[in-house]
Amino acid sequence: MAAPLLSLTGLTKAYPGVVANDDVSFAIGEGEIHALLGENGAGKSTLVKMIYGLVKPDAGEMQLGGAPYAPSEPSAARRAGVAMVFQHFSLFDALSVAENVALGMEAPPRTRDLARRIREVSEAYGLPLDPFRVVGTLSAGERQRVEIVRCLLQEPRLLIMDEPTSVLTPQEVSILFDTLRQLRAEGRSILYISHKLEEIRALCDTATILRLGKKVATCTPAEVSARELAEMMVGASFAAPVARPRARGEVLLEVAGLSLPAPGAFGTPLRDISLTLRRGEVLGIGGVAGNGQDELLAALSGERLAPAGSVRLSGQDVSRKGPLARRDAGLLSGPEERLGHAAAPDMSLTENAVLTAARREGLLSRGFVNWGRARDFAQTVIDRFDVRTPGTGTAARALSGGNLQKFVIGREILQRPEVLVVNQPTWGVDAAAAAAIRQALLDLAEAGAGIIVISQDLDELMEISDRFAALNEGRLTSARPVADLSVEKIGLMMGGAHDMEAPHAHA
């Protein structure tokens, strides 16, 4: 048993109406990769914020390397040897790699010296970077390298990683895992947060599981199944999604030659996108983040009208129609960005329900909102999708990311769309909630809708899709039956292998 590097004893943190962490105690050993698991709202984020100096605990204490540890701010944590790679990258697109790294340093060296160090460290850990590349031109995997190398330049004793593989291809995940194992071999410790349980089993030495703010279990991930880990997180068994046989009907959505300029200097243009979607079908579209996913959803939903190409819904040309007209015709969407795009942060759940469901659910009467009916619809979404919230009057920003995701996806599904396009439908959602969302999408397809699922989660796409296409640099491959594809082949398609021969011998 490795000597503890970081010990937490009785950590407690409460907010009005909720105890985020309740008497949490565990230790991370030196040279250990330690997983922190829990469903949405279990208290993982609050715990990590206390370790990194973003939040002060109400009670309890920490020790780092045997000495008392109570960082008052992140800079104090970094000085003590604790670094963190956040789920959402904090990089400036218009600056170079070296300039972005320098912004995270209290006393950065000269650019020439810093560039040399970036090259040395990135190559030593198998994460090669050009210090002078503009970040806006980097792939999502390369951007993550910038974040990791920025941390490694601090020579941390403990590296915290939050959902580090959510934007990576399988090949990039393999490279990242080699790097993390190298860090472990050097005696560094890693606190690893992820919803991808098979990755936890393959990589992590120990796992601590939180539920409703309390530590409920510690285990060796390799010795239990992914399902057992998920059930420890939830506290009960849950059903895996079941894809029942579905009849494929007529073509509901037909897109031909769709092209769209990039929305900004670092956006991705869509290039000659063509696809068809049949009634009862789930079409999965994979791709590394930043390859046109947001732009594709905007073009299909009508938020941006493409100057070239056509979009036909049930035979009707909707190419020049905006979002309201497409919704009226039955094409609904759920964007990736929960706060600010899918939901207005400061509006209540009832008000957010009205934003997209007013017309389809009859929530308007003579130009006025029928608030009673709107509250009933919001409550139905909450009940059907197990959204953990005090009530329909709660502001969207007050919900955990996973619970808000359940609300915005449920809000669209319950409007009974003909075609539903969703981007990252289970992003940041725990295993039980992800299974429920995937089952709801399958049920919607079984009822006769056509579903397009845009996702970076290959396991998700393999589980629920009938056909798969990959998006790379704004180009879409032809769709292929999922049964004919391996995860490795899909990873290559996501990485830009557009002109591969159709697979023959893949399981």
Protein backbone atom coordinates (compact mmCIF):
# COMPACT_ATOMS: atom_id res chain seq x y z
CA MET A 1 0.00 0.00 0.00
CA ALA A 2 1.52 3.30 -1.10
CA ALA A 3 2.03 5.98 1.52
CA PRO A 4 -0.74 8.59 1.35
CA LEU A 5 0.06 11.72 -0.61
CA LEU A 6 -3.27 13.44 0.07
CA SER A 7 -5.50 12.56 3.03
CA LEU A 8 -9.00 13.93 3.51
CA THR A 9 -10.63 13.62 6.92
CA GLY A 10 -14.25 14.52 7.61
CA LEU A 11 -14.58 17.08 4.80
CA THR A 12 -17.99 18.73 4.92
CA LYS A 13 -19.44 21.50 2.78
CA ALA A 14 -23.04 22.72 2.86
CA TYR A 15 -24.95 25.19 0.71
CA PRO A 16 -28.46 26.52 1.38
CA GLY A 17 -30.78 23.55 1.18
CA VAL A 18 -28.15 20.92 0.37
CA VAL A 19 -25.12 19.24 1.97
CA ALA A 20 -22.74 18.82 -0.96
CA ASN A 21 -20.13 16.83 1.01
CA ASP A 22 -20.94 15.11 4.27
CA ASP A 23 -18.00 13.88 6.40
CA VAL A 24 -15.96 12.58 3.44
CA SER A 25 -12.69 10.79 4.26
CA PHE A 26 -10.27 8.96 1.97
CA ALA A 27 -6.62 8.99 0.92
CA ILE A 28 -4.76 9.06 -2.39
CA GLY A 29 -1.49 7.15 -2.36
CA GLU A 30 1.79 8.30 -3.87
CA GLY A 31 2.12 6.99 -7.42
CA GLU A 32 -1.55 6.02 -7.55
CA ILE A 33 -4.27 6.70 -10.12
CA HIS A 34 -7.35 7.16 -7.93
CA ALA A 35 -10.84 7.39 -9.44
CA LEU A 36 -13.55 9.59 -7.93
CA LEU A 37 -16.97 8.30 -8.97
CA GLY A 38 -20.54 9.34 -8.33
CA GLU A 39 -23.73 10.20 -10.15
CA ASN A 40 -24.61 13.81 -10.92
CA GLY A 41 -25.05 15.78 -7.73
CA ALA A 42 -23.05 13.27 -5.66
CA GLY A 43 -20.57 15.95 -4.58
CA LYS A 44 -17.55 15.27 -6.81
CA SER A 45 -17.20 18.83 -8.07
CA THR A 46 -17.41 20.37 -4.61
CA LEU A 47 -14.84 17.94 -3.24
CA VAL A 48 -12.39 18.68 -6.04
CA LYS A 49 -12.92 22.42 -5.59
CA MET A 50 -11.92 22.10 -1.92
CA ILE A 51 -8.77 20.18 -2.87
CA TYR A 52 -7.88 22.80 -5.48
CA GLY A 53 -8.57 25.82 -3.27
CA LEU A 54 -11.70 27.06 -5.04
CA VAL A 55 -13.98 26.31 -2.07
CA LYS A 56 -13.29 26.35 1.67
CA PRO A 57 -14.65 23.38 3.64
CA ASP A 58 -17.03 24.00 6.55
CA ALA A 59 -15.43 21.19 8.55
CA GLY A 60 -12.71 18.59 8.25
CA GLU A 61 -9.06 18.78 7.28
CA MET A 62 -6.62 17.77 4.58
CA GLN A 63 -2.99 16.70 4.66
CA LEU A 64 -0.60 16.75 1.71
CA GLY A 65 2.62 14.82 2.08
CA GLY A 66 1.96 14.49 5.82
CA ALA A 67 1.65 18.26 6.39
CA PRO A 68 -1.56 20.26 6.96
CA TYR A 69 -3.01 21.43 3.65
CA ALA A 70 -5.68 24.16 3.36
CA PRO A 71 -5.26 26.13 0.11
CA SER A 72 -6.98 29.49 0.18
CA GLU A 73 -6.98 29.77 -3.62
CA PRO A 74 -5.85 27.75 -6.67
CA SER A 75 -2.46 29.48 -6.80
CA ALA A 76 -1.77 28.18 -3.27
CA ALA A 77 -2.75 24.68 -4.38
CA ARG A 78 -0.41 24.92 -7.36
CA ARG A 79 2.46 26.08 -5.17
CA ALA A 80 1.86 23.05 -2.95
CA GLY A 81 2.08 20.75 -5.96
CA VAL A 82 -1.57 20.25 -6.94
CA ALA A 83 -2.58 20.88 -10.57
CA MET A 84 -5.89 20.41 -12.35
CA VAL A 85 -7.02 19.81 -15.93
CA PHE A 86 -10.62 20.99 -16.13
CA GLN A 87 -13.33 19.41 -18.26
CA HIS A 88 -13.84 22.71 -20.08
CA PHE A 89 -10.62 24.03 -21.57
CA SER A 90 -9.58 27.52 -20.50
CA LEU A 91 -7.64 28.53 -23.60
CA PHE A 92 -7.68 31.60 -25.84
CA ASP A 93 -8.12 30.64 -29.49
CA ALA A 94 -6.29 33.68 -30.87
CA LEU A 95 -3.11 33.08 -28.81
CA SER A 96 -0.31 30.60 -29.40
CA VAL A 97 0.30 27.51 -27.27
CA ALA A 98 3.21 29.22 -25.50
CA GLU A 99 1.18 32.38 -24.83
CA ASN A 100 -1.65 30.33 -23.34
CA VAL A 101 0.77 28.41 -21.13
CA ALA A 102 2.39 31.65 -19.97
CA LEU A 103 -1.00 33.02 -18.86
CA GLY A 104 -1.25 30.19 -16.34
CA MET A 105 2.16 30.91 -14.79
CA GLU A 106 2.82 33.42 -12.04
CA ALA A 107 6.31 34.27 -13.32
CA PRO A 108 6.61 32.98 -16.90
CA PRO A 109 10.10 32.81 -18.44
CA ARG A 110 11.03 34.41 -21.76
CA THR A 111 9.00 33.06 -24.66
CA ARG A 112 12.05 31.36 -26.21
CA ASP A 113 12.86 29.54 -22.97
CA LEU A 114 9.23 28.63 -22.36
CA ALA A 115 8.88 27.25 -25.89
CA ARG A 116 11.92 25.04 -25.32
CA ARG A 117 10.45 23.71 -22.06
CA ILE A 118 7.07 23.04 -23.72
CA ARG A 119 8.79 21.01 -26.42
CA GLU A 120 10.92 19.08 -23.91
CA VAL A 121 8.04 18.24 -21.57
CA SER A 122 5.49 17.49 -24.28
CA GLU A 123 7.86 15.12 -26.09
CA ALA A 124 9.01 13.46 -22.87
CA TYR A 125 5.41 12.49 -22.09
CA GLY A 126 4.35 11.52 -25.60
CA LEU A 127 2.23 14.65 -26.12
CA PRO A 128 4.19 16.57 -28.80
CA LEU A 129 3.20 20.22 -29.24
CA ASP A 130 4.38 23.11 -31.39
CA PRO A 131 4.64 26.05 -28.94
CA PHE A 132 3.98 28.57 -31.72
CA ARG A 133 0.80 27.02 -33.14
CA VAL A 134 -2.30 29.19 -32.69
CA VAL A 135 -4.67 27.36 -30.33
CA GLY A 136 -7.66 28.06 -32.58
CA THR A 137 -6.11 25.77 -35.21
CA LEU A 138 -5.67 22.81 -32.82
CA SER A 139 -7.91 19.75 -32.54
CA ALA A 140 -9.67 19.02 -29.26
CA GLY A 141 -7.07 16.37 -28.43
CA GLU A 142 -4.23 18.82 -29.06
CA ARG A 143 -5.94 21.45 -26.89
CA GLN A 144 -6.08 18.94 -24.07
CA ARG A 145 -2.35 18.38 -24.51
CA VAL A 146 -1.84 22.10 -23.95
CA GLU A 147 -3.78 21.90 -20.67
CA ILE A 148 -1.87 18.83 -19.51
CA VAL A 149 1.56 20.21 -20.47
CA ARG A 150 0.70 23.49 -18.73
CA CYS A 151 0.11 21.45 -15.57
CA LEU A 152 3.20 19.26 -16.02
CA LEU A 153 5.43 22.34 -16.27
CA GLN A 154 4.49 22.94 -12.62
CA GLU A 155 5.95 19.49 -11.76
CA PRO A 156 2.87 18.60 -9.68
CA ARG A 157 2.73 15.90 -7.07
CA LEU A 158 -1.02 15.49 -7.62
CA LEU A 159 -2.77 15.95 -10.97
CA ILE A 160 -6.59 16.21 -10.96
CA MET A 161 -8.30 15.32 -14.23
CA ASP A 162 -12.02 15.96 -14.83
CA GLU A 163 -13.60 13.90 -17.67
CA PRO A 164 -10.31 13.93 -19.62
CA THR A 165 -11.38 11.59 -22.45
CA SER A 166 -14.74 13.15 -23.34
CA VAL A 167 -13.33 14.86 -26.46
CA LEU A 168 -10.81 12.25 -27.61
CA THR A 169 -10.74 9.54 -30.27
CA PRO A 170 -9.88 5.99 -29.10
CA GLN A 171 -6.36 6.47 -30.44
CA GLU A 172 -5.94 9.70 -28.44
CA VAL A 173 -7.30 7.98 -25.32
CA SER A 174 -4.61 5.33 -25.68
CA ILE A 175 -1.90 8.02 -25.89
CA LEU A 176 -3.32 9.81 -22.83
CA PHE A 177 -3.38 6.59 -20.80
CA ASP A 178 0.28 5.91 -21.69
CA THR A 179 1.10 9.41 -20.39
CA LEU A 180 -0.82 8.90 -17.13
CA ARG A 181 0.85 5.54 -16.53
CA GLN A 182 4.23 7.18 -17.11
CA LEU A 183 3.37 9.83 -14.51
CA ARG A 184 2.34 7.10 -12.07
CA ALA A 185 5.65 5.29 -12.65
CA GLU A 186 7.45 8.52 -11.72
CA GLY A 187 5.63 8.54 -8.38
CA ARG A 188 3.07 11.24 -9.22
CA SER A 189 -0.53 10.78 -8.14
CA ILE A 190 -3.63 11.33 -10.24
CA LEU A 191 -7.22 11.94 -9.12
CA TYR A 192 -9.30 10.85 -12.10
CA ILE A 193 -12.97 11.78 -12.55
CA SER A 194 -14.91 10.11 -15.35
CA HIS A 195 -18.30 8.61 -16.19
CA LYS A 196 -16.61 6.09 -18.52
CA LEU A 197 -16.47 3.10 -16.23
CA GLU A 198 -14.59 0.72 -18.52
CA GLU A 199 -11.81 3.32 -18.68
CA ILE A 200 -11.80 3.47 -14.88
CA ARG A 201 -11.45 -0.32 -14.74
CA ALA A 202 -8.57 -0.29 -17.25
CA LEU A 203 -6.61 2.61 -15.76
CA CYS A 204 -7.26 3.25 -12.08
CA ASP A 205 -5.75 1.51 -9.05
CA THR A 206 -8.45 2.52 -6.57
CA ALA A 207 -11.90 4.09 -6.75
CA THR A 208 -13.78 6.12 -4.15
CA ILE A 209 -17.53 6.30 -4.73
CA LEU A 210 -19.71 9.18 -3.54
CA ARG A 211 -23.50 9.13 -3.27
CA LEU A 212 -25.58 12.11 -2.14
CA GLY A 213 -22.50 13.77 -0.69
CA LYS A 214 -21.28 10.79 1.34
CA LYS A 215 -18.52 8.29 0.65
CA VAL A 216 -20.25 4.94 0.24
CA ALA A 217 -17.51 2.64 -1.03
CA THR A 218 -13.85 2.18 -1.93
CA CYS A 219 -12.84 -0.59 -4.31
CA THR A 220 -10.29 -1.83 -6.81
CA PRO A 221 -11.95 -1.13 -10.17
CA ALA A 222 -10.30 -4.02 -12.01
CA GLU A 223 -11.89 -6.46 -9.55
CA VAL A 224 -15.50 -5.40 -10.18
CA SER A 225 -17.59 -4.95 -13.33
CA ALA A 226 -18.59 -1.62 -14.83
CA ARG A 227 -22.19 -2.44 -13.93
CA GLU A 228 -21.24 -3.07 -10.29
CA LEU A 229 -19.45 0.30 -10.20
CA ALA A 230 -22.54 2.00 -11.65
CA GLU A 231 -24.83 0.33 -9.14
CA MET A 232 -22.57 1.42 -6.27
CA MET A 233 -22.85 4.98 -7.56
CA VAL A 234 -26.63 4.86 -7.84
CA GLY A 235 -27.36 2.69 -4.81
CA ALA A 236 -29.61 0.37 -6.82
CA SER A 237 -29.71 -1.67 -9.97
CA PHE A 238 -30.91 -0.06 -13.18
CA ALA A 239 -31.89 -1.31 -16.60
CA ALA A 240 -29.51 -1.10 -19.52
CA PRO A 241 -31.03 0.36 -22.70
CA VAL A 242 -32.89 -2.23 -24.78
CA ALA A 243 -33.09 -1.71 -28.53
CA ARG A 244 -36.14 -3.65 -29.67
CA PRO A 245 -36.57 -4.50 -33.37
CA ARG A 246 -37.93 -1.48 -35.25
CA ALA A 247 -39.38 -1.21 -38.71
CA ARG A 248 -37.66 1.37 -40.91
CA GLY A 249 -40.19 3.50 -42.71
CA GLU A 250 -40.08 6.24 -45.32
CA VAL A 251 -37.37 8.89 -45.50
CA LEU A 252 -38.16 11.65 -42.99
CA LEU A 253 -35.12 13.87 -43.45
CA GLU A 254 -33.03 14.29 -46.56
CA VAL A 255 -30.02 16.62 -46.65
CA ALA A 256 -28.15 17.15 -49.92
CA GLY A 257 -25.00 19.16 -50.62
CA LEU A 258 -25.31 21.29 -47.50
CA SER A 259 -22.47 23.80 -47.15
CA LEU A 260 -22.14 26.56 -44.59
CA PRO A 261 -19.33 29.06 -43.91
CA ALA A 262 -17.62 28.96 -40.52
CA PRO A 263 -19.44 31.14 -37.97
CA GLY A 264 -16.20 32.85 -36.93
CA ALA A 265 -12.44 32.81 -37.20
CA PHE A 266 -12.13 29.49 -35.38
CA GLY A 267 -15.41 27.84 -36.28
CA THR A 268 -15.72 24.96 -38.74
CA PRO A 269 -17.35 25.31 -42.16
CA LEU A 270 -19.69 22.54 -43.29
CA ARG A 271 -18.61 21.05 -46.61
CA ASP A 272 -21.11 19.28 -48.87
CA ILE A 273 -23.04 17.44 -46.13
CA SER A 274 -25.49 14.80 -47.39
CA LEU A 275 -27.52 12.31 -45.34
CA THR A 276 -30.86 10.54 -45.17
CA LEU A 277 -32.83 9.54 -42.08
CA ARG A 278 -35.75 7.10 -42.11
CA ARG A 279 -38.70 6.74 -39.78
CA GLY A 280 -37.75 4.53 -36.82
CA GLU A 281 -34.01 4.94 -37.39
CA VAL A 282 -31.21 6.19 -35.13
CA LEU A 283 -28.32 7.71 -37.11
CA GLY A 284 -25.19 8.20 -35.03
CA ILE A 285 -22.71 10.89 -36.01
CA GLY A 286 -19.34 10.73 -34.29
CA GLY A 287 -16.44 13.11 -34.30
CA VAL A 288 -13.81 14.75 -32.16
CA ALA A 289 -15.00 18.06 -30.68
CA GLY A 290 -14.57 21.05 -32.96
CA ASN A 291 -15.13 19.28 -36.27
CA GLY A 292 -18.48 20.87 -37.10
CA GLN A 293 -20.89 19.31 -34.62
CA ASP A 294 -22.37 22.59 -33.39
CA GLU A 295 -22.52 23.93 -36.94
CA LEU A 296 -24.33 20.81 -38.18
CA LEU A 297 -26.96 21.04 -35.45
CA ALA A 298 -27.46 24.75 -36.21
CA ALA A 299 -27.89 24.01 -39.92
CA LEU A 300 -30.39 21.18 -39.32
CA SER A 301 -32.39 23.08 -36.69
CA GLY A 302 -32.62 26.21 -38.84
CA GLU A 303 -30.63 28.42 -36.48
CA ARG A 304 -28.30 29.09 -39.40
CA LEU A 305 -29.54 28.91 -42.98
CA ALA A 306 -27.09 27.33 -45.37
CA PRO A 307 -26.44 29.22 -48.63
CA ALA A 308 -25.86 25.95 -50.50
CA GLY A 309 -27.65 22.62 -50.42
CA SER A 310 -31.12 21.54 -49.34
CA VAL A 311 -32.94 20.20 -46.28
CA ARG A 312 -36.18 18.30 -46.88
CA LEU A 313 -38.46 17.16 -44.05
CA SER A 314 -41.09 14.57 -44.98
CA GLY A 315 -40.72 15.71 -48.59
CA GLN A 316 -41.17 19.41 -47.76
CA ASP A 317 -38.30 21.77 -48.56
CA VAL A 318 -37.45 23.60 -45.30
CA SER A 319 -34.06 24.90 -46.45
CA ARG A 320 -35.09 28.55 -46.10
CA LYS A 321 -37.21 28.12 -42.97
CA GLY A 322 -35.99 29.07 -39.48
CA PRO A 323 -36.19 27.15 -36.19
CA LEU A 324 -39.85 27.92 -35.39
CA ALA A 325 -41.11 26.76 -38.76
CA ARG A 326 -39.00 23.60 -38.60
CA ARG A 327 -40.28 22.89 -35.09
CA ASP A 328 -43.85 23.34 -36.28
CA ALA A 329 -43.08 20.81 -39.03
CA GLY A 330 -41.72 18.34 -36.46
CA LEU A 331 -37.93 18.83 -36.52
CA LEU A 332 -36.73 19.44 -32.95
CA SER A 333 -33.21 19.72 -31.58
CA GLY A 334 -31.17 19.59 -28.39
CA PRO A 335 -27.83 21.45 -28.54
CA GLU A 336 -24.69 20.51 -26.64
CA GLU A 337 -24.36 23.70 -24.60
CA ARG A 338 -26.86 23.36 -21.78
CA LEU A 339 -26.62 26.80 -20.21
CA GLY A 340 -27.11 29.64 -22.65
CA HIS A 341 -28.19 27.59 -25.66
CA ALA A 342 -30.49 24.77 -24.54
CA ALA A 343 -31.63 26.67 -21.45
CA ALA A 344 -31.63 30.28 -20.23
CA PRO A 345 -29.63 30.16 -16.98
CA ASP A 346 -31.66 32.63 -14.90
CA MET A 347 -35.09 31.49 -16.09
CA SER A 348 -37.10 28.91 -14.17
CA LEU A 349 -37.67 25.41 -15.50
CA THR A 350 -41.24 26.41 -16.31
CA GLU A 351 -40.03 29.38 -18.35
CA ASN A 352 -37.45 27.21 -20.08
CA ALA A 353 -40.17 24.74 -20.97
CA VAL A 354 -42.14 27.57 -22.60
CA LEU A 355 -39.12 28.64 -24.68
CA THR A 356 -39.26 25.57 -26.95
CA ALA A 357 -42.63 23.95 -26.21
CA ALA A 358 -45.00 26.94 -26.29
CA ARG A 359 -46.50 26.16 -29.69
CA ARG A 360 -46.24 22.36 -29.84
CA GLU A 361 -47.66 21.88 -26.33
CA GLY A 362 -50.34 24.59 -26.60
CA LEU A 363 -48.90 26.71 -23.79
CA LEU A 364 -50.13 29.95 -25.36
CA SER A 365 -53.67 31.36 -25.29
CA ARG A 366 -54.46 34.48 -27.35
CA GLY A 367 -50.82 35.52 -27.21
CA PHE A 368 -50.43 34.99 -23.47
CA VAL A 369 -48.66 32.14 -21.69
CA ASN A 370 -50.94 29.72 -19.87
CA TRP A 371 -48.67 29.40 -16.84
CA GLY A 372 -50.68 26.63 -15.23
CA ARG A 373 -50.34 24.45 -18.31
CA ALA A 374 -46.67 25.42 -18.63
CA ARG A 375 -45.97 24.37 -15.03
CA ASP A 376 -47.78 21.08 -15.63
CA PHE A 377 -45.63 20.37 -18.69
CA ALA A 378 -42.43 21.25 -16.82
CA GLN A 379 -43.50 18.99 -13.95
CA THR A 380 -44.18 16.14 -16.39
CA VAL A 381 -40.64 16.47 -17.74
CA ILE A 382 -39.26 16.48 -14.18
CA ASP A 383 -41.27 13.38 -13.22
CA ARG A 384 -40.67 11.37 -16.39
CA PHE A 385 -36.93 12.04 -16.51
CA ASP A 386 -36.19 11.98 -12.76
CA VAL A 387 -34.85 15.55 -12.68
CA ARG A 388 -33.58 16.26 -9.16
CA THR A 389 -34.84 19.76 -8.38
CA PRO A 390 -36.91 21.48 -5.67
CA GLY A 391 -39.58 22.35 -8.22
CA THR A 392 -40.61 23.93 -11.51
CA GLY A 393 -39.75 27.41 -10.22
CA THR A 394 -36.06 26.58 -9.80
CA ALA A 395 -33.66 28.50 -12.06
CA ALA A 396 -31.90 26.38 -14.69
CA ARG A 397 -28.45 27.40 -13.42
CA ALA A 398 -29.27 25.97 -9.96
CA LEU A 399 -29.44 22.40 -11.31
CA SER A 400 -26.42 20.13 -11.59
CA GLY A 401 -25.23 19.67 -15.16
CA GLY A 402 -26.63 16.17 -15.39
CA ASN A 403 -30.04 17.09 -14.06
CA LEU A 404 -30.31 20.05 -16.42
CA GLN A 405 -29.32 17.75 -19.28
CA LYS A 406 -32.16 15.38 -18.36
CA PHE A 407 -34.57 18.30 -18.34
CA VAL A 408 -33.61 19.77 -21.73
CA ILE A 409 -33.55 16.37 -23.47
CA GLY A 410 -36.82 15.32 -21.82
CA ARG A 411 -38.46 18.60 -22.81
CA GLU A 412 -37.80 17.84 -26.50
CA ILE A 413 -38.67 14.13 -26.39
CA LEU A 414 -42.05 14.78 -24.74
CA GLN A 415 -43.01 17.09 -27.61
CA ARG A 416 -43.22 13.99 -29.84
CA PRO A 417 -40.97 15.15 -32.69
CA GLU A 418 -40.96 13.59 -36.16
CA VAL A 419 -37.20 14.15 -36.27
CA LEU A 420 -35.01 14.85 -33.23
CA VAL A 421 -31.39 16.01 -33.59
CA VAL A 422 -29.37 15.95 -30.36
CA ASN A 423 -25.72 16.85 -29.75
CA GLN A 424 -24.00 15.11 -26.81
CA PRO A 425 -27.30 13.95 -25.22
CA THR A 426 -25.62 12.27 -22.21
CA TRP A 427 -22.56 14.50 -21.82
CA GLY A 428 -21.64 14.82 -18.14
CA VAL A 429 -24.47 12.50 -17.09
CA ASP A 430 -24.00 9.53 -14.75
CA ALA A 431 -24.45 5.95 -15.90
CA ALA A 432 -28.03 5.49 -14.70
CA ALA A 433 -29.23 8.80 -16.13
CA ALA A 434 -27.38 8.15 -19.40
CA ALA A 435 -29.08 4.75 -19.68
CA ALA A 436 -32.47 6.39 -19.11
CA ILE A 437 -31.85 9.06 -21.78
CA ARG A 438 -30.65 6.48 -24.30
CA GLN A 439 -33.70 4.32 -23.63
CA ALA A 440 -35.96 7.34 -24.13
CA LEU A 441 -34.31 8.01 -27.51
CA LEU A 442 -34.76 4.36 -28.52
CA ASP A 443 -38.40 4.43 -27.41
CA LEU A 444 -38.96 7.57 -29.48
CA ALA A 445 -37.49 5.82 -32.53
CA GLU A 446 -39.68 2.79 -31.85
CA ALA A 447 -42.69 5.11 -31.86
CA GLY A 448 -41.78 6.17 -35.39
CA ALA A 449 -39.51 9.20 -35.04
CA GLY A 450 -36.16 9.56 -36.77
CA ILE A 451 -33.25 10.36 -34.44
CA ILE A 452 -29.84 11.88 -35.18
CA VAL A 453 -27.44 11.53 -32.27
CA ILE A 454 -24.26 13.59 -32.56
CA SER A 455 -21.86 12.35 -29.89
CA GLN A 456 -18.21 11.98 -28.96
CA ASP A 457 -19.07 8.92 -26.85
CA LEU A 458 -18.39 5.94 -29.11
CA ASP A 459 -19.87 3.44 -26.67
CA GLU A 460 -23.10 5.43 -26.76
CA LEU A 461 -23.20 5.49 -30.55
CA MET A 462 -22.45 1.77 -30.81
CA GLU A 463 -25.19 1.01 -28.28
CA ILE A 464 -28.10 2.91 -29.80
CA SER A 465 -27.32 3.67 -33.47
CA ASP A 466 -28.47 1.72 -36.50
CA ARG A 467 -26.05 3.50 -38.84
CA PHE A 468 -22.92 5.56 -38.18
CA ALA A 469 -21.21 8.44 -39.99
CA ALA A 470 -18.18 10.46 -38.89
CA LEU A 471 -17.75 14.23 -39.01
CA ASN A 472 -14.23 15.52 -39.61
CA GLU A 473 -13.27 19.10 -40.53
CA GLY A 474 -16.86 19.78 -41.56
CA ARG A 475 -17.14 16.77 -43.88
CA LEU A 476 -19.44 13.82 -43.23
CA THR A 477 -18.56 10.29 -44.28
CA SER A 478 -21.20 8.06 -45.79
CA ALA A 479 -23.29 6.28 -43.16
CA ARG A 480 -22.60 2.60 -42.53
CA PRO A 481 -24.44 -0.04 -40.52
CA VAL A 482 -23.03 -0.11 -36.99
CA ALA A 483 -22.99 -3.89 -37.07
CA ASP A 484 -20.27 -3.71 -39.74
CA LEU A 485 -17.94 -1.43 -37.76
CA SER A 486 -15.42 -1.92 -34.94
CA VAL A 487 -14.57 0.81 -32.44
CA GLU A 488 -11.10 1.00 -34.01
CA LYS A 489 -12.56 1.57 -37.48
CA ILE A 490 -14.90 4.24 -36.11
CA GLY A 491 -11.94 5.93 -34.44
CA LEU A 492 -10.12 6.07 -37.76
CA MET A 493 -13.21 7.54 -39.45
CA MET A 494 -13.42 10.18 -36.73
CA GLY A 495 -9.75 10.98 -37.25
CA GLY A 496 -10.32 11.82 -40.91
CA ALA A 497 -10.11 8.52 -42.83
CA HIS A 498 -12.90 9.48 -45.22
CA ASP A 499 -12.07 7.26 -48.16
CA MET A 500 -11.64 3.88 -46.47
CA GLU A 501 -12.97 0.82 -48.20
CA ALA A 502 -16.12 -0.55 -46.63
CA PRO A 503 -15.14 -2.90 -43.78
CA HIS A 504 -15.33 -6.63 -44.35
CA ALA A 505 -14.16 -8.62 -41.38
CA HIS A 506 -14.86 -6.36 -38.44
CA ALA A 507 -17.10 -7.52 -35.66
